[in-house]
Protein backbone atom coordinates (compact mmCIF):
# COMPACT_ATOMS: atom_id res chain seq x y z
CA MET A 1 -2.93 -13.40 19.51
CA SER A 2 -5.62 -15.60 18.11
CA THR A 3 -5.17 -17.76 15.08
CA LEU A 4 -7.70 -17.19 12.35
CA SER A 5 -10.42 -19.72 11.71
CA ASN A 6 -12.62 -19.96 8.65
CA THR A 7 -16.16 -21.27 8.96
CA PRO A 8 -18.10 -20.91 5.69
CA TYR A 9 -21.52 -19.32 6.10
CA ALA A 10 -23.15 -22.54 4.90
CA ASP A 11 -21.62 -24.33 7.91
CA LEU A 12 -22.79 -21.83 10.53
CA GLU A 13 -25.49 -23.12 12.84
CA VAL A 14 -27.74 -21.49 15.41
CA GLY A 15 -26.07 -21.74 18.80
CA GLN A 16 -22.46 -21.77 17.62
CA LYS A 17 -20.19 -19.70 19.82
CA ALA A 18 -16.85 -17.98 19.51
CA THR A 19 -14.50 -17.16 22.34
CA TYR A 20 -11.96 -14.38 22.30
CA SER A 21 -10.25 -13.16 25.42
CA LYS A 22 -7.79 -10.40 26.15
CA THR A 23 -6.52 -8.86 29.31
CA VAL A 24 -6.89 -5.09 29.01
CA GLU A 25 -3.52 -3.51 29.69
CA GLU A 26 -2.45 0.07 30.32
CA ARG A 27 -0.82 0.16 26.90
CA ASP A 28 -4.13 -0.80 25.24
CA ILE A 29 -5.96 2.12 26.86
CA GLN A 30 -3.20 4.59 25.99
CA LEU A 31 -3.00 3.42 22.38
CA PHE A 32 -6.79 3.42 21.97
CA ALA A 33 -6.98 6.97 23.34
CA ALA A 34 -4.26 8.09 20.92
CA MET A 35 -5.84 6.34 17.95
CA SER A 36 -9.44 7.40 18.65
CA GLY A 37 -8.81 10.87 20.04
CA ASP A 38 -10.99 9.98 23.05
CA HIS A 39 -9.05 11.46 25.96
CA ASN A 40 -11.93 11.38 28.43
CA PRO A 41 -10.33 11.44 31.89
CA VAL A 42 -12.43 8.47 33.04
CA HIS A 43 -10.10 6.39 30.87
CA LEU A 44 -6.81 8.15 31.59
CA ASP A 45 -6.89 9.93 34.97
CA ALA A 46 -7.13 7.72 38.06
CA GLU A 47 -7.91 10.64 40.38
CA PHE A 48 -10.77 11.84 38.19
CA ALA A 49 -12.09 8.31 37.63
CA ALA A 50 -12.14 7.71 41.41
CA SER A 51 -14.76 10.48 41.68
CA THR A 52 -17.10 8.83 39.16
CA ILE A 53 -19.64 6.03 39.54
CA PHE A 54 -16.96 3.64 38.24
CA ARG A 55 -14.55 4.43 41.11
CA GLU A 56 -11.61 3.54 38.88
CA ARG A 57 -10.38 4.05 35.35
CA ILE A 58 -12.22 2.09 32.70
CA ALA A 59 -11.39 1.08 29.15
CA HIS A 60 -13.14 2.86 26.29
CA GLY A 61 -16.53 1.40 25.35
CA MET A 62 -15.52 1.16 21.71
CA PHE A 63 -12.45 -0.82 22.78
CA SER A 64 -14.93 -3.48 23.91
CA GLY A 65 -16.58 -3.20 20.51
CA ALA A 66 -13.20 -3.79 18.90
CA LEU A 67 -12.82 -7.00 20.91
CA ILE A 68 -16.21 -8.19 19.67
CA SER A 69 -15.04 -7.40 16.16
CA ALA A 70 -11.92 -9.49 16.79
CA ALA A 71 -14.06 -12.46 17.83
CA VAL A 72 -16.08 -12.18 14.62
CA ALA A 73 -13.06 -11.58 12.39
CA CYS A 74 -10.79 -14.19 13.93
CA GLU A 75 -13.06 -16.87 15.36
CA LEU A 76 -16.55 -17.16 13.92
CA PRO A 77 -17.05 -17.10 11.01
CA GLY A 78 -13.42 -16.09 10.62
CA ARG A 79 -10.86 -14.80 8.20
CA HIS A 80 -12.96 -14.30 5.07
CA HIS A 81 -15.74 -12.48 6.91
CA LEU A 82 -16.16 -8.72 6.74
CA HIS A 83 -18.50 -7.51 9.47
CA ARG A 84 -20.66 -4.76 7.97
CA PRO A 85 -23.65 -4.16 10.27
CA ASP A 86 -24.86 -1.39 7.99
CA ASP A 87 -25.31 -3.89 5.12
CA ALA A 88 -28.47 -5.17 6.77
CA LEU A 89 -29.88 -1.66 6.68
CA ARG A 90 -29.15 -1.16 2.97
CA PRO A 91 -31.25 -3.53 0.87
CA SER A 92 -29.74 -2.05 -2.29
CA GLY A 93 -26.35 -3.43 -1.24
CA GLN A 94 -24.68 -0.12 -2.09
CA ALA A 95 -21.34 0.37 -0.39
CA ARG A 96 -21.16 3.02 2.30
CA ARG A 97 -17.55 4.03 1.72
CA TYR A 98 -17.70 6.89 4.18
CA LEU A 99 -17.89 4.37 7.03
CA ASP A 100 -14.80 2.50 5.86
CA ARG A 101 -11.34 3.86 6.54
CA ALA A 102 -7.98 3.03 5.01
CA PRO A 103 -4.48 4.30 5.74
CA GLY A 104 -4.23 7.92 4.62
CA ASP A 105 -7.99 8.63 4.91
CA SER A 106 -9.23 11.63 6.88
């Protein structure tokens, strides 16, 4: 697990980089499938996946997105940053609550 950093926006510079690495494990794929509801056999069934262009099981694409989110949240800019890509599309700054989820939400 990564430790959290905190780089204030004022200190961010063009060209700065963050590194976050994780070995994808069987448990990660199973848990992501359970959490997301994405039970596509290319992720879960080795025999099916062997017949695809991938030739083997692959992790969910959004799992990769979650790892990018981890790099942003934990590395650069870090712990006080909330990544909201939709904010750039909403000049009014209005919250888009329906995109956010909390425990108990449906």
